C-alpha atoms as a PDB file:
ATOM      1  CA  MET A   1     -63.729  14.733 -13.733  1.00  0.00           C
ATOM      2  CA  GLU A   2     -61.304  16.582 -11.481  1.00  0.00           C
ATOM      3  CA  THR A   3     -61.934  16.608  -7.744  1.00  0.00           C
ATOM      4  CA  GLU A   4     -60.247  18.577  -5.010  1.00  0.00           C
ATOM      5  CA  ASN A   5     -57.852  15.694  -4.315  1.00  0.00           C
ATOM      6  CA  THR A   6     -56.961  14.948  -7.944  1.00  0.00           C
ATOM      7  CA  ILE A   7     -53.381  15.634  -8.949  1.00  0.00           C
ATOM      8  CA  LEU A   8     -53.006  16.603 -12.598  1.00  0.00           C
ATOM      9  CA  PHE A   9     -49.572  15.664 -13.869  1.00  0.00           C
ATOM     10  CA  THR A  10     -48.702  18.462 -16.259  1.00  0.00           C
ATOM     11  CA  SER A  11     -45.028  19.069 -16.912  1.00  0.00           C
ATOM     12  CA  GLU A  12     -45.093  22.100 -14.578  1.00  0.00           C
ATOM     13  CA  ARG A  13     -46.687  20.110 -11.772  1.00  0.00           C
ATOM     14  CA  ILE A  14     -44.393  17.126 -12.246  1.00  0.00           C
ATOM     15  CA  ALA A  15     -41.494  19.544 -11.913  1.00  0.00           C
ATOM     16  CA  HIS A  16     -42.999  20.828  -8.669  1.00  0.00           C
ATOM     17  CA  PHE A  17     -43.519  17.285  -7.334  1.00  0.00           C
ATOM     18  CA  GLU A  18     -39.902  16.532  -8.209  1.00  0.00           C
ATOM     19  CA  PHE A  19     -38.971  19.741  -6.398  1.00  0.00           C
ATOM     20  CA  CYS A  20     -40.348  18.240  -3.166  1.00  0.00           C
ATOM     21  CA  ARG A  21     -37.854  15.409  -3.628  1.00  0.00           C
ATOM     22  CA  LEU A  22     -35.065  17.905  -3.029  1.00  0.00           C
ATOM     23  CA  CYS A  23     -36.341  18.989   0.381  1.00  0.00           C
ATOM     24  CA  LYS A  24     -34.263  17.947   3.366  1.00  0.00           C
ATOM     25  CA  TYR A  25     -37.440  17.180   5.344  1.00  0.00           C
ATOM     26  CA  LYS A  26     -38.790  14.556   2.893  1.00  0.00           C
ATOM     27  CA  THR A  27     -39.391  11.218   4.631  1.00  0.00           C
ATOM     28  CA  SER A  28     -41.328   9.217   2.024  1.00  0.00           C
ATOM     29  CA  ALA A  29     -43.009   9.639  -1.365  1.00  0.00           C
ATOM     30  CA  LEU A  30     -45.953  11.594   0.053  1.00  0.00           C
ATOM     31  CA  ALA A  31     -44.838  12.714   3.523  1.00  0.00           C
ATOM     32  CA  CYS A  32     -42.214  14.860   5.200  1.00  0.00           C
ATOM     33  CA  LYS A  33     -41.346  16.199   8.642  1.00  0.00           C
ATOM     34  CA  ALA A  34     -43.482  19.274   7.922  1.00  0.00           C
ATOM     35  CA  PHE A  35     -46.462  17.049   6.991  1.00  0.00           C
ATOM     36  CA  PRO A  36     -45.949  13.628   8.610  1.00  0.00           C
ATOM     37  CA  GLU A  37     -49.543  12.616   7.854  1.00  0.00           C
ATOM     38  CA  GLY A  38     -49.109  13.471   4.168  1.00  0.00           C
ATOM     39  CA  ILE A  39     -48.089  16.446   2.054  1.00  0.00           C
ATOM     40  CA  PRO A  40     -51.193  18.468   1.116  1.00  0.00           C
ATOM     41  CA  THR A  41     -52.442  17.900  -2.428  1.00  0.00           C
ATOM     42  CA  ASP A  42     -52.168  21.613  -3.197  1.00  0.00           C
ATOM     43  CA  ILE A  43     -48.425  21.469  -2.541  1.00  0.00           C
ATOM     44  CA  LEU A  44     -47.876  18.195  -4.404  1.00  0.00           C
ATOM     45  CA  SER A  45     -49.880  19.455  -7.361  1.00  0.00           C
ATOM     46  CA  GLY A  46     -48.023  22.748  -7.565  1.00  0.00           C
ATOM     47  CA  LYS A  47     -51.074  24.883  -6.781  1.00  0.00           C
ATOM     48  CA  LYS A  48     -49.269  26.182  -3.680  1.00  0.00           C
ATOM     49  CA  THR A  49     -45.628  26.480  -2.737  1.00  0.00           C
ATOM     50  CA  HIS A  50     -44.080  25.749   0.635  1.00  0.00           C
ATOM     51  CA  TRP A  51     -41.598  28.605   0.992  1.00  0.00           C
ATOM     52  CA  GLN A  52     -42.970  29.399   4.447  1.00  0.00           C
ATOM     53  CA  PRO A  53     -45.207  27.585   6.937  1.00  0.00           C
ATOM     54  CA  ILE A  54     -48.811  27.415   5.760  1.00  0.00           C
ATOM     55  CA  GLU A  55     -52.075  27.874   7.622  1.00  0.00           C
ATOM     56  CA  ASN A  56     -53.024  24.917   9.851  1.00  0.00           C
ATOM     57  CA  GLN A  57     -49.518  23.452   9.718  1.00  0.00           C
ATOM     58  CA  ASN A  58     -48.548  21.970  13.091  1.00  0.00           C
ATOM     59  CA  ASN A  59     -44.901  23.094  12.934  1.00  0.00           C
ATOM     60  CA  THR A  60     -42.754  25.824  11.390  1.00  0.00           C
ATOM     61  CA  LEU A  61     -40.866  23.719   8.838  1.00  0.00           C
ATOM     62  CA  PHE A  62     -40.897  24.604   5.140  1.00  0.00           C
ATOM     63  CA  PHE A  63     -38.874  23.734   2.032  1.00  0.00           C
ATOM     64  CA  GLU A  64     -35.145  23.611   2.600  1.00  0.00           C
ATOM     65  CA  LEU A  65     -32.782  22.222  -0.012  1.00  0.00           C
ATOM     66  CA  LEU A  66     -30.909  19.027   0.764  1.00  0.00           C
ATOM     67  CA  GLN A  67     -27.179  19.368   1.234  1.00  0.00           C
ATOM     68  CA  GLU A  68     -25.368  18.934  -2.087  1.00  0.00           C
ATOM     69  CA  ASN A  69     -23.703  15.688  -0.948  1.00  0.00           C
ATOM     70  CA  SER A  70     -27.144  14.268  -0.067  1.00  0.00           C
ATOM     71  CA  LEU A  71     -28.513  14.560  -3.602  1.00  0.00           C
ATOM     72  CA  ALA A  72     -28.906  11.220  -5.353  1.00  0.00           C
ATOM     73  CA  PHE A  73     -30.314  10.963  -8.843  1.00  0.00           C
END
């Protein structure tokens, strides 16, 4: 049974989760400077994007691509 906090790992949503990895504000697996207490499930799951600050966010940070020389795969 799916709950509000369940993350379904479909290929589209995995791609979105991986997309978060490319953000320059990422600080750990589930947190970033925009969301130091934890990235919202809706963003991690791909239900919402983070192309601009979202409601109830405590800062104005949003997705920004890492510098090319910072990418490590």
